[in-house]
Amino acid sequence: MPRKDHGAQIKDDEQYEALRKQGMSKEKAARIANTPRRTAGRRGGTSPQYEDWSREDLYAKARQVGIEGRSRMNKGDLIAALRHH
């Protein structure tokens, strides 16, 4: 099977395709595929788990990333939407 070339904007076409097959969005797959594999494992934030956030903070984050229907979501729904965005 020939490998697809996604252009210069995607640094690791093979990883991008694998992530897309797992169901990730194009944006998320591109972000991950463009991260050098050598540094990806060492990265990590210091932000607390979403379960420790207030619903208002989760709502603000959902608004920031553009999740639709967030006003009707409870805390659990917001967490799930943010994790799968």
PDB file of N, CA and C in Angstrom:
ATOM      1  N   MET A   1       0.848  -1.181   0.000  1.00  0.00           N
ATOM      2  CA  MET A   1       0.000   0.000   0.000  1.00  0.00           C
ATOM      3  C   MET A   1       0.892   1.241   0.000  1.00  0.00           C
ATOM      4  N   PRO A   2       0.725   2.133  -0.962  1.00  0.00           N
ATOM      5  CA  PRO A   2       1.574   3.320  -1.029  1.00  0.00           C
ATOM      6  C   PRO A   2       1.289   4.268   0.134  1.00  0.00           C
ATOM      7  N   ARG A   3       2.342   4.882   0.592  1.00  0.00           N
ATOM      8  CA  ARG A   3       2.222   5.837   1.684  1.00  0.00           C
ATOM      9  C   ARG A   3       1.740   7.172   1.147  1.00  0.00           C
ATOM     10  N   LYS A   4       0.826   7.794   1.853  1.00  0.00           N
ATOM     11  CA  LYS A   4       0.317   9.091   1.419  1.00  0.00           C
ATOM     12  C   LYS A   4       1.279  10.184   1.837  1.00  0.00           C
ATOM     13  N   ASP A   5       1.348  11.214   1.022  1.00  0.00           N
ATOM     14  CA  ASP A   5       2.154  12.383   1.344  1.00  0.00           C
ATOM     15  C   ASP A   5       1.177  13.508   1.661  1.00  0.00           C
ATOM     16  N   HIS A   6       1.192  13.960   2.894  1.00  0.00           N
ATOM     17  CA  HIS A   6       0.255  14.995   3.330  1.00  0.00           C
ATOM     18  C   HIS A   6       0.831  16.397   3.194  1.00  0.00           C
ATOM     19  N   GLY A   7       1.936  16.523   2.518  1.00  0.00           N
ATOM     20  CA  GLY A   7       2.535  17.824   2.287  1.00  0.00           C
ATOM     21  C   GLY A   7       3.532  18.193   3.368  1.00  0.00           C
ATOM     22  N   ALA A   8       4.098  19.350   3.204  1.00  0.00           N
ATOM     23  CA  ALA A   8       5.150  19.811   4.113  1.00  0.00           C
ATOM     24  C   ALA A   8       4.642  20.106   5.513  1.00  0.00           C
ATOM     25  N   GLN A   9       3.347  20.351   5.664  1.00  0.00           N
ATOM     26  CA  GLN A   9       2.822  20.704   6.979  1.00  0.00           C
ATOM     27  C   GLN A   9       2.783  19.519   7.938  1.00  0.00           C
ATOM     28  N   ILE A  10       2.795  18.289   7.438  1.00  0.00           N
ATOM     29  CA  ILE A  10       2.813  17.087   8.274  1.00  0.00           C
ATOM     30  C   ILE A  10       4.218  16.506   8.231  1.00  0.00           C
ATOM     31  N   LYS A  11       4.848  16.443   9.414  1.00  0.00           N
ATOM     32  CA  LYS A  11       6.245  15.999   9.468  1.00  0.00           C
ATOM     33  C   LYS A  11       6.393  14.480   9.451  1.00  0.00           C
ATOM     34  N   ASP A  12       5.424  13.755   9.992  1.00  0.00           N
ATOM     35  CA  ASP A  12       5.515  12.294  10.071  1.00  0.00           C
ATOM     36  C   ASP A  12       4.225  11.702   9.499  1.00  0.00           C
ATOM     37  N   ASP A  13       4.222  11.460   8.195  1.00  0.00           N
ATOM     38  CA  ASP A  13       3.024  10.972   7.503  1.00  0.00           C
ATOM     39  C   ASP A  13       2.537   9.633   8.053  1.00  0.00           C
ATOM     40  N   GLU A  14       3.460   8.739   8.370  1.00  0.00           N
ATOM     41  CA  GLU A  14       3.099   7.410   8.868  1.00  0.00           C
ATOM     42  C   GLU A  14       2.353   7.509  10.208  1.00  0.00           C
ATOM     43  N   GLN A  15       2.887   8.318  11.102  1.00  0.00           N
ATOM     44  CA  GLN A  15       2.244   8.493  12.403  1.00  0.00           C
ATOM     45  C   GLN A  15       0.892   9.190  12.249  1.00  0.00           C
ATOM     46  N   TYR A  16       0.823  10.172  11.371  1.00  0.00           N
ATOM     47  CA  TYR A  16      -0.429  10.893  11.111  1.00  0.00           C
ATOM     48  C   TYR A  16      -1.516   9.928  10.655  1.00  0.00           C
ATOM     49  N   GLU A  17      -1.192   9.066   9.694  1.00  0.00           N
ATOM     50  CA  GLU A  17      -2.165   8.096   9.184  1.00  0.00           C
ATOM     51  C   GLU A  17      -2.630   7.146  10.288  1.00  0.00           C
ATOM     52  N   ALA A  18      -1.707   6.682  11.119  1.00  0.00           N
ATOM     53  CA  ALA A  18      -2.064   5.772  12.211  1.00  0.00           C
ATOM     54  C   ALA A  18      -3.006   6.452  13.196  1.00  0.00           C
ATOM     55  N   LEU A  19      -2.741   7.694  13.507  1.00  0.00           N
ATOM     56  CA  LEU A  19      -3.596   8.431  14.443  1.00  0.00           C
ATOM     57  C   LEU A  19      -4.982   8.686  13.858  1.00  0.00           C
ATOM     58  N   ARG A  20      -5.048   8.991  12.572  1.00  0.00           N
ATOM     59  CA  ARG A  20      -6.337   9.200  11.904  1.00  0.00           C
ATOM     60  C   ARG A  20      -7.153   7.914  11.908  1.00  0.00           C
ATOM     61  N   LYS A  21      -6.479   6.760  11.710  1.00  0.00           N
ATOM     62  CA  LYS A  21      -7.180   5.473  11.744  1.00  0.00           C
ATOM     63  C   LYS A  21      -7.717   5.160  13.131  1.00  0.00           C
ATOM     64  N   GLN A  22      -7.086   5.712  14.163  1.00  0.00           N
ATOM     65  CA  GLN A  22      -7.561   5.536  15.539  1.00  0.00           C
ATOM     66  C   GLN A  22      -8.756   6.431  15.838  1.00  0.00           C
ATOM     67  N   GLY A  23      -9.072   7.341  14.921  1.00  0.00           N
ATOM     68  CA  GLY A  23     -10.245   8.182  15.086  1.00  0.00           C
ATOM     69  C   GLY A  23      -9.955   9.602  15.531  1.00  0.00           C
ATOM     70  N   MET A  24      -8.701   9.989  15.583  1.00  0.00           N
ATOM     71  CA  MET A  24      -8.370  11.355  15.993  1.00  0.00           C
ATOM     72  C   MET A  24      -8.714  12.337  14.887  1.00  0.00           C
ATOM     73  N   SER A  25      -9.010  13.564  15.307  1.00  0.00           N
ATOM     74  CA  SER A  25      -9.310  14.603  14.328  1.00  0.00           C
ATOM     75  C   SER A  25      -8.042  14.935  13.542  1.00  0.00           C
ATOM     76  N   LYS A  26      -8.214  15.573  12.408  1.00  0.00           N
ATOM     77  CA  LYS A  26      -7.068  15.958  11.582  1.00  0.00           C
ATOM     78  C   LYS A  26      -6.149  16.894  12.359  1.00  0.00           C
ATOM     79  N   GLU A  27      -6.756  17.824  13.089  1.00  0.00           N
ATOM     80  CA  GLU A  27      -5.972  18.799  13.848  1.00  0.00           C
ATOM     81  C   GLU A  27      -5.130  18.123  14.928  1.00  0.00           C
ATOM     82  N   LYS A  28      -5.752  17.239  15.707  1.00  0.00           N
ATOM     83  CA  LYS A  28      -5.037  16.576  16.787  1.00  0.00           C
ATOM     84  C   LYS A  28      -3.963  15.641  16.240  1.00  0.00           C
ATOM     85  N   ALA A  29      -4.281  14.891  15.186  1.00  0.00           N
ATOM     86  CA  ALA A  29      -3.305  13.994  14.581  1.00  0.00           C
ATOM     87  C   ALA A  29      -2.115  14.776  14.032  1.00  0.00           C
ATOM     88  N   ALA A  30      -2.365  15.925  13.449  1.00  0.00           N
ATOM     89  CA  ALA A  30      -1.282  16.750  12.911  1.00  0.00           C
ATOM     90  C   ALA A  30      -0.390  17.280  14.028  1.00  0.00           C
ATOM     91  N   ARG A  31      -1.002  17.730  15.129  1.00  0.00           N
ATOM     92  CA  ARG A  31      -0.207  18.228  16.264  1.00  0.00           C
ATOM     93  C   ARG A  31       0.724  17.148  16.783  1.00  0.00           C
ATOM     94  N   ILE A  32       0.190  15.937  16.940  1.00  0.00           N
ATOM     95  CA  ILE A  32       0.999  14.834  17.469  1.00  0.00           C
ATOM     96  C   ILE A  32       2.067  14.422  16.456  1.00  0.00           C
ATOM     97  N   ALA A  33       1.694  14.306  15.189  1.00  0.00           N
ATOM     98  CA  ALA A  33       2.640  13.876  14.157  1.00  0.00           C
ATOM     99  C   ALA A  33       3.751  14.896  13.935  1.00  0.00           C
ATOM    100  N   ASN A  34       3.510  16.137  14.260  1.00  0.00           N
ATOM    101  CA  ASN A  34       4.525  17.175  14.073  1.00  0.00           C
ATOM    102  C   ASN A  34       5.422  17.346  15.295  1.00  0.00           C
ATOM    103  N   THR A  35       5.150  16.625  16.364  1.00  0.00           N
ATOM    104  CA  THR A  35       5.997  16.662  17.552  1.00  0.00           C
ATOM    105  C   THR A  35       7.121  15.646  17.363  1.00  0.00           C
ATOM    106  N   PRO A  36       8.348  16.084  17.512  1.00  0.00           N
ATOM    107  CA  PRO A  36       9.453  15.120  17.372  1.00  0.00           C
ATOM    108  C   PRO A  36       9.298  13.976  18.373  1.00  0.00           C
ATOM    109  N   ARG A  37       9.443  12.744  17.910  1.00  0.00           N
ATOM    110  CA  ARG A  37       9.249  11.573  18.765  1.00  0.00           C
ATOM    111  C   ARG A  37      10.219  11.579  19.951  1.00  0.00           C
ATOM    112  N   ARG A  38      11.378  12.128  19.759  1.00  0.00           N
ATOM    113  CA  ARG A  38      12.381  12.150  20.810  1.00  0.00           C
ATOM    114  C   ARG A  38      11.948  13.001  22.008  1.00  0.00           C
ATOM    115  N   THR A  39      11.208  14.085  21.753  1.00  0.00           N
ATOM    116  CA  THR A  39      10.805  14.974  22.849  1.00  0.00           C
ATOM    117  C   THR A  39       9.377  14.737  23.319  1.00  0.00           C
ATOM    118  N   ALA A  40       8.590  13.986  22.571  1.00  0.00           N
ATOM    119  CA  ALA A  40       7.168  13.819  22.895  1.00  0.00           C
ATOM    120  C   ALA A  40       6.959  13.179  24.265  1.00  0.00           C
ATOM    121  N   GLY A  41       7.739  12.184  24.622  1.00  0.00           N
ATOM    122  CA  GLY A  41       7.564  11.503  25.902  1.00  0.00           C
ATOM    123  C   GLY A  41       7.966  12.337  27.091  1.00  0.00           C
ATOM    124  N   ARG A  42       8.822  13.323  26.880  1.00  0.00           N
ATOM    125  CA  ARG A  42       9.285  14.153  27.996  1.00  0.00           C
ATOM    126  C   ARG A  42       8.393  15.348  28.247  1.00  0.00           C
ATOM    127  N   ARG A  43       7.510  15.623  27.312  1.00  0.00           N
ATOM    128  CA  ARG A  43       6.611  16.752  27.500  1.00  0.00           C
ATOM    129  C   ARG A  43       5.510  16.380  28.477  1.00  0.00           C
ATOM    130  N   GLY A  44       4.899  17.368  29.018  1.00  0.00           N
ATOM    131  CA  GLY A  44       3.774  17.118  29.906  1.00  0.00           C
ATOM    132  C   GLY A  44       3.490  18.358  30.707  1.00  0.00           C
ATOM    133  N   GLY A  45       2.244  18.612  30.919  1.00  0.00           N
ATOM    134  CA  GLY A  45       1.864  19.799  31.656  1.00  0.00           C
ATOM    135  C   GLY A  45       1.763  19.539  33.147  1.00  0.00           C
ATOM    136  N   THR A  46       1.521  20.590  33.851  1.00  0.00           N
ATOM    137  CA  THR A  46       1.358  20.484  35.294  1.00  0.00           C
ATOM    138  C   THR A  46      -0.079  20.787  35.697  1.00  0.00           C
ATOM    139  N   SER A  47      -0.957  20.801  34.728  1.00  0.00           N
ATOM    140  CA  SER A  47      -2.350  21.099  34.987  1.00  0.00           C
ATOM    141  C   SER A  47      -3.006  19.938  35.738  1.00  0.00           C
ATOM    142  N   PRO A  48      -3.906  20.243  36.680  1.00  0.00           N
ATOM    143  CA  PRO A  48      -4.588  19.156  37.399  1.00  0.00           C
ATOM    144  C   PRO A  48      -5.536  18.386  36.478  1.00  0.00           C
ATOM    145  N   GLN A  49      -5.921  17.200  36.891  1.00  0.00           N
ATOM    146  CA  GLN A  49      -6.873  16.379  36.151  1.00  0.00           C
ATOM    147  C   GLN A  49      -8.182  17.157  35.995  1.00  0.00           C
ATOM    148  N   TYR A  50      -8.882  16.906  34.872  1.00  0.00           N
ATOM    149  CA  TYR A  50     -10.151  17.595  34.631  1.00  0.00           C
ATOM    150  C   TYR A  50     -11.152  17.360  35.764  1.00  0.00           C
ATOM    151  N   GLU A  51     -11.107  16.204  36.401  1.00  0.00           N
ATOM    152  CA  GLU A  51     -12.048  15.921  37.495  1.00  0.00           C
ATOM    153  C   GLU A  51     -11.886  16.901  38.660  1.00  0.00           C
ATOM    154  N   ASP A  52     -10.703  17.487  38.786  1.00  0.00           N
ATOM    155  CA  ASP A  52     -10.451  18.449  39.864  1.00  0.00           C
ATOM    156  C   ASP A  52     -10.868  19.870  39.488  1.00  0.00           C
ATOM    157  N   TRP A  53     -11.217  20.112  38.232  1.00  0.00           N
ATOM    158  CA  TRP A  53     -11.635  21.437  37.779  1.00  0.00           C
ATOM    159  C   TRP A  53     -13.099  21.664  38.159  1.00  0.00           C
ATOM    160  N   SER A  54     -13.482  22.916  38.298  1.00  0.00           N
ATOM    161  CA  SER A  54     -14.896  23.240  38.508  1.00  0.00           C
ATOM    162  C   SER A  54     -15.609  23.192  37.158  1.00  0.00           C
ATOM    163  N   ARG A  55     -16.932  23.082  37.191  1.00  0.00           N
ATOM    164  CA  ARG A  55     -17.693  23.059  35.944  1.00  0.00           C
ATOM    165  C   ARG A  55     -17.486  24.359  35.174  1.00  0.00           C
ATOM    166  N   GLU A  56     -17.380  25.467  35.887  1.00  0.00           N
ATOM    167  CA  GLU A  56     -17.183  26.760  35.241  1.00  0.00           C
ATOM    168  C   GLU A  56     -15.839  26.810  34.508  1.00  0.00           C
ATOM    169  N   ASP A  57     -14.791  26.251  35.116  1.00  0.00           N
ATOM    170  CA  ASP A  57     -13.484  26.217  34.457  1.00  0.00           C
ATOM    171  C   ASP A  57     -13.511  25.304  33.229  1.00  0.00           C
ATOM    172  N   LEU A  58     -14.193  24.166  33.348  1.00  0.00           N
ATOM    173  CA  LEU A  58     -14.330  23.250  32.213  1.00  0.00           C
ATOM    174  C   LEU A  58     -15.097  23.928  31.081  1.00  0.00           C
ATOM    175  N   TYR A  59     -16.151  24.653  31.438  1.00  0.00           N
ATOM    176  CA  TYR A  59     -16.953  25.359  30.437  1.00  0.00           C
ATOM    177  C   TYR A  59     -16.094  26.397  29.713  1.00  0.00           C
ATOM    178  N   ALA A  60     -15.279  27.137  30.463  1.00  0.00           N
ATOM    179  CA  ALA A  60     -14.413  28.154  29.860  1.00  0.00           C
ATOM    180  C   ALA A  60     -13.408  27.512  28.903  1.00  0.00           C
ATOM    181  N   LYS A  61     -12.852  26.376  29.278  1.00  0.00           N
ATOM    182  CA  LYS A  61     -11.898  25.679  28.407  1.00  0.00           C
ATOM    183  C   LYS A  61     -12.609  25.167  27.144  1.00  0.00           C
ATOM    184  N   ALA A  62     -13.824  24.630  27.311  1.00  0.00           N
ATOM    185  CA  ALA A  62     -14.599  24.154  26.167  1.00  0.00           C
ATOM    186  C   ALA A  62     -14.916  25.312  25.224  1.00  0.00           C
ATOM    187  N   ARG A  63     -15.197  26.453  25.782  1.00  0.00           N
ATOM    188  CA  ARG A  63     -15.468  27.641  24.968  1.00  0.00           C
ATOM    189  C   ARG A  63     -14.211  28.048  24.204  1.00  0.00           C
ATOM    190  N   GLN A  64     -13.070  27.996  24.882  1.00  0.00           N
ATOM    191  CA  GLN A  64     -11.795  28.367  24.273  1.00  0.00           C
ATOM    192  C   GLN A  64     -11.460  27.480  23.079  1.00  0.00           C
ATOM    193  N   VAL A  65     -11.735  26.184  23.177  1.00  0.00           N
ATOM    194  CA  VAL A  65     -11.389  25.274  22.084  1.00  0.00           C
ATOM    195  C   VAL A  65     -12.521  25.095  21.082  1.00  0.00           C
ATOM    196  N   GLY A  66     -13.681  25.709  21.339  1.00  0.00           N
ATOM    197  CA  GLY A  66     -14.762  25.725  20.361  1.00  0.00           C
ATOM    198  C   GLY A  66     -15.663  24.505  20.348  1.00  0.00           C
ATOM    199  N   ILE A  67     -15.932  23.928  21.514  1.00  0.00           N
ATOM    200  CA  ILE A  67     -16.819  22.764  21.587  1.00  0.00           C
ATOM    201  C   ILE A  67     -18.269  23.233  21.506  1.00  0.00           C
ATOM    202  N   GLU A  68     -18.989  22.666  20.552  1.00  0.00           N
ATOM    203  CA  GLU A  68     -20.396  23.018  20.339  1.00  0.00           C
ATOM    204  C   GLU A  68     -21.285  22.367  21.397  1.00  0.00           C
ATOM    205  N   GLY A  69     -22.361  23.033  21.784  1.00  0.00           N
ATOM    206  CA  GLY A  69     -23.336  22.482  22.711  1.00  0.00           C
ATOM    207  C   GLY A  69     -22.885  22.463  24.152  1.00  0.00           C
ATOM    208  N   ARG A  70     -21.857  23.180  24.479  1.00  0.00           N
ATOM    209  CA  ARG A  70     -21.287  23.142  25.828  1.00  0.00           C
ATOM    210  C   ARG A  70     -22.223  23.686  26.903  1.00  0.00           C
ATOM    211  N   SER A  71     -23.121  24.573  26.545  1.00  0.00           N
ATOM    212  CA  SER A  71     -24.009  25.161  27.554  1.00  0.00           C
ATOM    213  C   SER A  71     -24.991  24.135  28.120  1.00  0.00           C
ATOM    214  N   ARG A  72     -25.257  23.066  27.368  1.00  0.00           N
ATOM    215  CA  ARG A  72     -26.181  22.033  27.831  1.00  0.00           C
ATOM    216  C   ARG A  72     -25.468  20.868  28.510  1.00  0.00           C
ATOM    217  N   MET A  73     -24.139  20.943  28.599  1.00  0.00           N
ATOM    218  CA  MET A  73     -23.365  19.822  29.147  1.00  0.00           C
ATOM    219  C   MET A  73     -23.166  19.948  30.649  1.00  0.00           C
ATOM    220  N   ASN A  74     -23.189  18.788  31.319  1.00  0.00           N
ATOM    221  CA  ASN A  74     -22.826  18.777  32.735  1.00  0.00           C
ATOM    222  C   ASN A  74     -21.314  18.576  32.827  1.00  0.00           C
ATOM    223  N   LYS A  75     -20.799  18.485  34.044  1.00  0.00           N
ATOM    224  CA  LYS A  75     -19.360  18.381  34.245  1.00  0.00           C
ATOM    225  C   LYS A  75     -18.776  17.150  33.541  1.00  0.00           C
ATOM    226  N   GLY A  76     -19.425  16.005  33.669  1.00  0.00           N
ATOM    227  CA  GLY A  76     -18.934  14.783  33.036  1.00  0.00           C
ATOM    228  C   GLY A  76     -18.916  14.882  31.523  1.00  0.00           C
ATOM    229  N   ASP A  77     -19.956  15.502  30.965  1.00  0.00           N
ATOM    230  CA  ASP A  77     -20.017  15.685  29.508  1.00  0.00           C
ATOM    231  C   ASP A  77     -18.910  16.599  29.019  1.00  0.00           C
ATOM    232  N   LEU A  78     -18.642  17.678  29.776  1.00  0.00           N
ATOM    233  CA  LEU A  78     -17.581  18.608  29.397  1.00  0.00           C
ATOM    234  C   LEU A  78     -16.211  17.914  29.426  1.00  0.00           C
ATOM    235  N   ILE A  79     -15.983  17.105  30.455  1.00  0.00           N
ATOM    236  CA  ILE A  79     -14.718  16.363  30.553  1.00  0.00           C
ATOM    237  C   ILE A  79     -14.550  15.459  29.345  1.00  0.00           C
ATOM    238  N   ALA A  80     -15.586  14.705  29.014  1.00  0.00           N
ATOM    239  CA  ALA A  80     -15.520  13.789  27.882  1.00  0.00           C
ATOM    240  C   ALA A  80     -15.282  14.555  26.570  1.00  0.00           C
ATOM    241  N   ALA A  81     -15.979  15.662  26.392  1.00  0.00           N
ATOM    242  CA  ALA A  81     -15.829  16.448  25.166  1.00  0.00           C
ATOM    243  C   ALA A  81     -14.407  17.017  25.048  1.00  0.00           C
ATOM    244  N   LEU A  82     -13.857  17.486  26.145  1.00  0.00           N
ATOM    245  CA  LEU A  82     -12.497  18.044  26.113  1.00  0.00           C
ATOM    246  C   LEU A  82     -11.455  16.956  25.840  1.00  0.00           C
ATOM    247  N   ARG A  83     -11.656  15.790  26.400  1.00  0.00           N
ATOM    248  CA  ARG A  83     -10.693  14.704  26.195  1.00  0.00           C
ATOM    249  C   ARG A  83     -10.722  14.171  24.775  1.00  0.00           C
ATOM    250  N   HIS A  84     -11.848  14.275  24.107  1.00  0.00           N
ATOM    251  CA  HIS A  84     -11.969  13.718  22.764  1.00  0.00           C
ATOM    252  C   HIS A  84     -11.938  14.781  21.674  1.00  0.00           C
ATOM    253  N   HIS A  85     -11.581  16.003  22.038  1.00  0.00           N
ATOM    254  CA  HIS A  85     -11.496  17.069  21.045  1.00  0.00           C
ATOM    255  C   HIS A  85     -10.143  17.038  20.379  1.00  0.00           C
TER     256      HIS A  85
END
